[in-house]
């Protein structure tokens, strides 16, 4: 028992050293677990960011194509107007031809 009292400082240092080493080991394990968790979360976030970036690029490309599509639609509407005008002319001529061809039937009593 006398040896314990004679070497109390050394024993206190050894006990403190063991406590500090255990605390460092626990801290190291927790830090490693935290690093792995952060790395997995960063991977998931980067995948989401990549998908979002792809969607933004797709929308930007579609937005750039809108003026071209508007020009195509305007050209199609103009072509449709020309065809409608031509169809109107043909319809008027067909009605006039029908009246001319059916004119003699009125005189015959039908």
N, C-alpha and C. Protein backbone atom coordinates (compact mmCIF):
# COMPACT_ATOMS: atom_id res chain seq x y z
N UNK A 1 0.82 -1.18 0.00
CA UNK A 1 0.00 0.00 0.00
C UNK A 1 0.87 1.26 0.00
N UNK A 2 2.01 1.13 0.56
CA UNK A 2 2.93 2.24 0.61
C UNK A 2 3.41 2.60 -0.79
N UNK A 3 3.52 1.63 -1.66
CA UNK A 3 3.99 1.86 -3.04
C UNK A 3 2.99 2.74 -3.80
N UNK A 4 1.67 2.54 -3.55
CA UNK A 4 0.65 3.34 -4.21
C UNK A 4 0.78 4.81 -3.83
N UNK A 5 1.03 5.06 -2.56
CA UNK A 5 1.15 6.44 -2.13
C UNK A 5 2.46 7.06 -2.61
N UNK A 6 3.45 6.28 -2.76
CA UNK A 6 4.72 6.81 -3.23
C UNK A 6 4.68 7.16 -4.73
N UNK A 7 3.89 6.42 -5.46
CA UNK A 7 3.82 6.64 -6.91
C UNK A 7 2.43 7.14 -7.34
N UNK A 8 1.79 7.94 -6.53
CA UNK A 8 0.43 8.44 -6.81
C UNK A 8 0.41 9.33 -8.04
N UNK A 9 1.42 10.14 -8.23
CA UNK A 9 1.46 11.03 -9.39
C UNK A 9 1.59 10.22 -10.67
N UNK A 10 2.46 9.20 -10.62
CA UNK A 10 2.63 8.35 -11.79
C UNK A 10 1.34 7.59 -12.09
N UNK A 11 0.69 7.06 -11.08
CA UNK A 11 -0.57 6.35 -11.28
C UNK A 11 -1.67 7.28 -11.79
N UNK A 12 -1.74 8.50 -11.28
CA UNK A 12 -2.73 9.47 -11.75
C UNK A 12 -2.48 9.81 -13.21
N UNK A 13 -1.18 9.95 -13.57
CA UNK A 13 -0.83 10.23 -14.97
C UNK A 13 -1.23 9.06 -15.87
N UNK A 14 -0.97 7.83 -15.44
CA UNK A 14 -1.32 6.66 -16.25
C UNK A 14 -2.84 6.53 -16.41
N UNK A 15 -3.58 6.76 -15.33
CA UNK A 15 -5.04 6.70 -15.41
C UNK A 15 -5.56 7.80 -16.35
N UNK A 16 -5.03 8.99 -16.23
CA UNK A 16 -5.44 10.09 -17.12
C UNK A 16 -5.07 9.79 -18.56
N UNK A 17 -3.89 9.18 -18.76
CA UNK A 17 -3.46 8.81 -20.11
C UNK A 17 -4.40 7.77 -20.72
N UNK A 18 -4.81 6.79 -19.94
CA UNK A 18 -5.74 5.78 -20.44
C UNK A 18 -7.08 6.42 -20.77
N UNK A 19 -7.57 7.30 -19.93
CA UNK A 19 -8.84 7.98 -20.17
C UNK A 19 -8.75 8.83 -21.44
N UNK A 20 -7.64 9.55 -21.60
CA UNK A 20 -7.48 10.39 -22.79
C UNK A 20 -7.38 9.52 -24.04
N UNK A 21 -6.64 8.40 -23.99
CA UNK A 21 -6.52 7.52 -25.14
C UNK A 21 -7.86 6.89 -25.52
N UNK A 22 -8.64 6.51 -24.52
CA UNK A 22 -9.97 5.97 -24.79
C UNK A 22 -10.86 7.05 -25.39
N UNK A 23 -10.79 8.25 -24.87
CA UNK A 23 -11.58 9.35 -25.42
C UNK A 23 -11.17 9.65 -26.86
N UNK A 24 -9.86 9.62 -27.15
CA UNK A 24 -9.39 9.85 -28.52
C UNK A 24 -9.85 8.73 -29.46
N UNK A 25 -9.85 7.49 -28.97
CA UNK A 25 -10.31 6.38 -29.80
C UNK A 25 -11.80 6.53 -30.11
N UNK A 26 -12.59 6.90 -29.11
CA UNK A 26 -14.03 7.12 -29.33
C UNK A 26 -14.23 8.28 -30.29
N UNK A 27 -13.46 9.34 -30.10
CA UNK A 27 -13.56 10.50 -30.99
C UNK A 27 -13.17 10.12 -32.42
N UNK A 28 -12.15 9.32 -32.58
CA UNK A 28 -11.72 8.87 -33.90
C UNK A 28 -12.81 8.03 -34.57
N UNK A 29 -13.41 7.11 -33.82
CA UNK A 29 -14.48 6.29 -34.38
C UNK A 29 -15.69 7.13 -34.77
N UNK A 30 -16.07 8.06 -33.92
CA UNK A 30 -17.20 8.94 -34.24
C UNK A 30 -16.89 9.82 -35.45
N UNK A 31 -15.68 10.32 -35.52
CA UNK A 31 -15.28 11.15 -36.66
C UNK A 31 -15.29 10.36 -37.95
N UNK A 32 -14.82 9.12 -37.91
CA UNK A 32 -14.83 8.27 -39.09
C UNK A 32 -16.26 7.98 -39.54
N UNK A 33 -17.13 7.70 -38.60
CA UNK A 33 -18.54 7.45 -38.92
C UNK A 33 -19.18 8.72 -39.51
N UNK A 34 -18.86 9.87 -38.94
CA UNK A 34 -19.38 11.13 -39.45
C UNK A 34 -18.85 11.40 -40.86
N UNK A 35 -17.58 11.12 -41.11
CA UNK A 35 -16.99 11.32 -42.44
C UNK A 35 -17.70 10.45 -43.47
N UNK A 36 -17.94 9.20 -43.14
CA UNK A 36 -18.64 8.31 -44.08
C UNK A 36 -20.07 8.79 -44.34
N UNK A 37 -20.75 9.24 -43.32
CA UNK A 37 -22.12 9.73 -43.48
C UNK A 37 -22.14 10.98 -44.36
N UNK A 38 -21.22 11.88 -44.12
CA UNK A 38 -21.15 13.11 -44.92
C UNK A 38 -20.81 12.78 -46.37
N UNK A 39 -19.91 11.83 -46.58
CA UNK A 39 -19.53 11.44 -47.94
C UNK A 39 -20.72 10.82 -48.68
N UNK A 40 -21.50 9.98 -48.01
CA UNK A 40 -22.70 9.41 -48.64
C UNK A 40 -23.72 10.49 -48.95
N UNK A 41 -23.92 11.40 -48.00
CA UNK A 41 -24.88 12.49 -48.21
C UNK A 41 -24.43 13.39 -49.35
N UNK A 42 -23.13 13.67 -49.44
CA UNK A 42 -22.62 14.50 -50.53
C UNK A 42 -22.83 13.80 -51.87
N UNK A 43 -22.66 12.48 -51.90
CA UNK A 43 -22.92 11.74 -53.14
C UNK A 43 -24.38 11.83 -53.55
N UNK A 44 -25.28 11.69 -52.59
CA UNK A 44 -26.71 11.79 -52.90
C UNK A 44 -27.07 13.19 -53.36
N UNK A 45 -26.50 14.20 -52.72
CA UNK A 45 -26.78 15.58 -53.10
C UNK A 45 -26.21 15.87 -54.48
N UNK A 46 -25.03 15.35 -54.77
CA UNK A 46 -24.44 15.62 -56.08
C UNK A 46 -25.25 14.94 -57.19
N UNK A 47 -25.81 13.75 -56.92
CA UNK A 47 -26.68 13.10 -57.91
C UNK A 47 -27.93 13.94 -58.14
N UNK A 48 -28.52 14.44 -57.07
CA UNK A 48 -29.69 15.30 -57.20
C UNK A 48 -29.37 16.59 -57.92
N UNK A 49 -28.21 17.16 -57.61
CA UNK A 49 -27.80 18.40 -58.29
C UNK A 49 -27.54 18.14 -59.77
N UNK A 50 -26.97 16.99 -60.08
CA UNK A 50 -26.71 16.65 -61.48
C UNK A 50 -28.03 16.49 -62.23
N UNK A 51 -29.01 15.81 -61.61
CA UNK A 51 -30.32 15.64 -62.25
C UNK A 51 -31.00 17.01 -62.43
N UNK A 52 -30.91 17.86 -61.42
CA UNK A 52 -31.50 19.19 -61.52
C UNK A 52 -30.82 20.00 -62.61
N UNK A 53 -29.50 19.90 -62.71
CA UNK A 53 -28.76 20.60 -63.75
C UNK A 53 -29.18 20.12 -65.14
N UNK A 54 -29.38 18.80 -65.28
CA UNK A 54 -29.85 18.27 -66.57
C UNK A 54 -31.23 18.80 -66.91
N UNK A 55 -32.12 18.87 -65.91
CA UNK A 55 -33.46 19.40 -66.15
C UNK A 55 -33.41 20.88 -66.53
N UNK A 56 -32.57 21.63 -65.85
CA UNK A 56 -32.44 23.06 -66.17
C UNK A 56 -31.92 23.23 -67.59
N UNK A 57 -30.94 22.40 -67.98
CA UNK A 57 -30.40 22.49 -69.34
C UNK A 57 -31.47 22.13 -70.37
N UNK A 58 -32.29 21.11 -70.08
CA UNK A 58 -33.35 20.70 -71.00
C UNK A 58 -34.37 21.82 -71.15
N UNK A 59 -34.74 22.46 -70.04
CA UNK A 59 -35.71 23.56 -70.10
C UNK A 59 -35.11 24.76 -70.83
N UNK A 60 -33.83 25.03 -70.61
CA UNK A 60 -33.18 26.15 -71.30
C UNK A 60 -33.14 25.89 -72.81
N UNK A 61 -32.83 24.66 -73.19
CA UNK A 61 -32.82 24.32 -74.63
C UNK A 61 -34.22 24.47 -75.22
N UNK A 62 -35.22 24.02 -74.47
CA UNK A 62 -36.60 24.16 -74.97
C UNK A 62 -36.99 25.63 -75.07
N UNK A 63 -36.55 26.44 -74.11
CA UNK A 63 -36.87 27.87 -74.15
C UNK A 63 -36.19 28.56 -75.32
N UNK A 64 -35.00 28.11 -75.68
CA UNK A 64 -34.32 28.70 -76.83
C UNK A 64 -35.02 28.33 -78.13
N UNK A 65 -35.69 27.19 -78.15
CA UNK A 65 -36.38 26.76 -79.36
C UNK A 65 -37.74 27.40 -79.55
N UNK A 66 -38.23 28.13 -78.56
CA UNK A 66 -39.57 28.74 -78.65
C UNK A 66 -39.67 29.74 -79.80
N UNK A 67 -38.72 30.66 -79.99
CA UNK A 67 -38.85 31.60 -81.13
C UNK A 67 -38.88 30.88 -82.47
N UNK A 68 -38.08 29.82 -82.61
CA UNK A 68 -38.09 29.08 -83.87
C UNK A 68 -39.46 28.43 -84.08
N UNK A 69 -40.01 27.88 -83.03
CA UNK A 69 -41.32 27.25 -83.14
C UNK A 69 -42.41 28.28 -83.42
N UNK A 70 -42.27 29.47 -82.83
CA UNK A 70 -43.24 30.52 -83.11
C UNK A 70 -43.17 30.93 -84.58
N UNK A 71 -41.96 30.98 -85.12
CA UNK A 71 -41.82 31.31 -86.54
C UNK A 71 -42.44 30.21 -87.40
N UNK A 72 -42.24 28.95 -87.01
CA UNK A 72 -42.85 27.85 -87.75
C UNK A 72 -44.37 27.92 -87.68
N UNK A 73 -44.90 28.24 -86.50
CA UNK A 73 -46.35 28.34 -86.33
C UNK A 73 -46.89 29.50 -87.16
N UNK A 74 -46.18 30.62 -87.15
CA UNK A 74 -46.62 31.78 -87.95
C UNK A 74 -46.62 31.43 -89.43
N UNK A 75 -45.60 30.70 -89.88
CA UNK A 75 -45.54 30.30 -91.29
C UNK A 75 -46.68 29.34 -91.62
N UNK A 76 -46.96 28.41 -90.70
CA UNK A 76 -48.06 27.47 -90.92
C UNK A 76 -49.40 28.19 -90.96
N UNK A 77 -49.60 29.18 -90.09
CA UNK A 77 -50.85 29.94 -90.08
C UNK A 77 -50.99 30.74 -91.37
N UNK A 78 -49.89 31.33 -91.83
CA UNK A 78 -49.94 32.10 -93.08
C UNK A 78 -50.26 31.19 -94.27
N UNK A 79 -49.65 30.01 -94.29
CA UNK A 79 -49.94 29.05 -95.35
C UNK A 79 -51.40 28.61 -95.29
N UNK A 80 -51.92 28.39 -94.09
CA UNK A 80 -53.32 28.01 -93.92
C UNK A 80 -54.25 29.13 -94.39
N UNK A 81 -53.89 30.38 -94.13
CA UNK A 81 -54.70 31.50 -94.60
C UNK A 81 -54.73 31.55 -96.13
N UNK A 82 -53.58 31.31 -96.77
CA UNK A 82 -53.53 31.30 -98.23
C UNK A 82 -54.39 30.17 -98.79
N UNK A 83 -54.31 29.01 -98.17
CA UNK A 83 -55.13 27.88 -98.63
C UNK A 83 -56.61 28.15 -98.42
N UNK A 84 -56.95 28.79 -97.28
CA UNK A 84 -58.35 29.11 -97.04
C UNK A 84 -58.85 30.12 -98.07
N UNK A 85 -58.01 31.09 -98.42
CA UNK A 85 -58.41 32.06 -99.44
C UNK A 85 -58.60 31.38 -100.79
N UNK A 86 -57.69 30.46 -101.13
CA UNK A 86 -57.82 29.73 -102.39
C UNK A 86 -59.07 28.85 -102.37
N UNK A 87 -59.36 28.24 -101.25
CA UNK A 87 -60.56 27.41 -101.12
C UNK A 87 -61.82 28.27 -101.24
N UNK A 88 -61.78 29.49 -100.70
CA UNK A 88 -62.91 30.41 -100.84
C UNK A 88 -63.16 30.77 -102.30
N UNK A 89 -62.08 31.02 -103.04
CA UNK A 89 -62.21 31.33 -104.46
C UNK A 89 -62.79 30.13 -105.20
N UNK A 90 -62.26 28.94 -104.91
CA UNK A 90 -62.78 27.74 -105.56
C UNK A 90 -64.25 27.50 -105.22
N UNK A 91 -64.62 27.76 -103.99
CA UNK A 91 -66.01 27.58 -103.57
C UNK A 91 -66.93 28.55 -104.32
N UNK A 92 -66.52 29.81 -104.42
CA UNK A 92 -67.33 30.78 -105.16
C UNK A 92 -67.50 30.37 -106.62
N UNK A 93 -66.40 29.92 -107.22
CA UNK A 93 -66.49 29.49 -108.62
C UNK A 93 -67.35 28.24 -108.76
N UNK A 94 -67.25 27.32 -107.81
CA UNK A 94 -68.07 26.10 -107.87
C UNK A 94 -69.55 26.46 -107.71
N UNK A 95 -69.87 27.40 -106.83
CA UNK A 95 -71.27 27.82 -106.66
C UNK A 95 -71.78 28.52 -107.93
N UNK A 96 -70.92 29.35 -108.52
CA UNK A 96 -71.33 30.02 -109.76
C UNK A 96 -71.54 29.00 -110.87
N UNK A 97 -70.66 28.00 -110.95
CA UNK A 97 -70.82 26.96 -111.98
C UNK A 97 -72.08 26.15 -111.72
N UNK A 98 -72.37 25.88 -110.47
CA UNK A 98 -73.59 25.12 -110.14
C UNK A 98 -74.83 25.91 -110.56
N UNK A 99 -74.84 27.21 -110.28
CA UNK A 99 -75.98 28.03 -110.68
C UNK A 99 -76.14 28.07 -112.20
N UNK A 100 -75.02 28.17 -112.89
CA UNK A 100 -75.08 28.20 -114.36
C UNK A 100 -75.57 26.87 -114.91
N UNK A 101 -75.05 25.78 -114.36
CA UNK A 101 -75.43 24.46 -114.87
C UNK A 101 -76.85 24.07 -114.49
N UNK A 102 -77.32 24.53 -113.35
CA UNK A 102 -78.68 24.19 -112.93
C UNK A 102 -79.71 25.23 -113.39
N UNK A 103 -79.24 26.31 -114.02
CA UNK A 103 -80.13 27.36 -114.53
C UNK A 103 -81.18 26.85 -115.50
N UNK A 104 -80.83 26.04 -116.50
CA UNK A 104 -81.85 25.58 -117.44
C UNK A 104 -82.92 24.73 -116.78
N UNK A 105 -82.61 24.06 -115.67
CA UNK A 105 -83.62 23.24 -115.01
C UNK A 105 -84.76 24.11 -114.45
N UNK A 106 -84.45 25.34 -114.05
CA UNK A 106 -85.50 26.24 -113.55
C UNK A 106 -86.50 26.57 -114.66
N UNK A 107 -85.96 26.70 -115.84
CA UNK A 107 -86.86 27.04 -116.97
C UNK A 107 -87.67 25.83 -117.43
N UNK A 108 -87.22 24.63 -117.11
CA UNK A 108 -87.93 23.44 -117.55
C UNK A 108 -89.00 23.01 -116.54
N UNK A 109 -89.10 23.69 -115.45
CA UNK A 109 -90.15 23.41 -114.50
C UNK A 109 -89.70 22.62 -113.27
N UNK A 110 -88.53 22.40 -113.14
CA UNK A 110 -88.07 21.67 -111.97
C UNK A 110 -87.62 22.56 -110.88
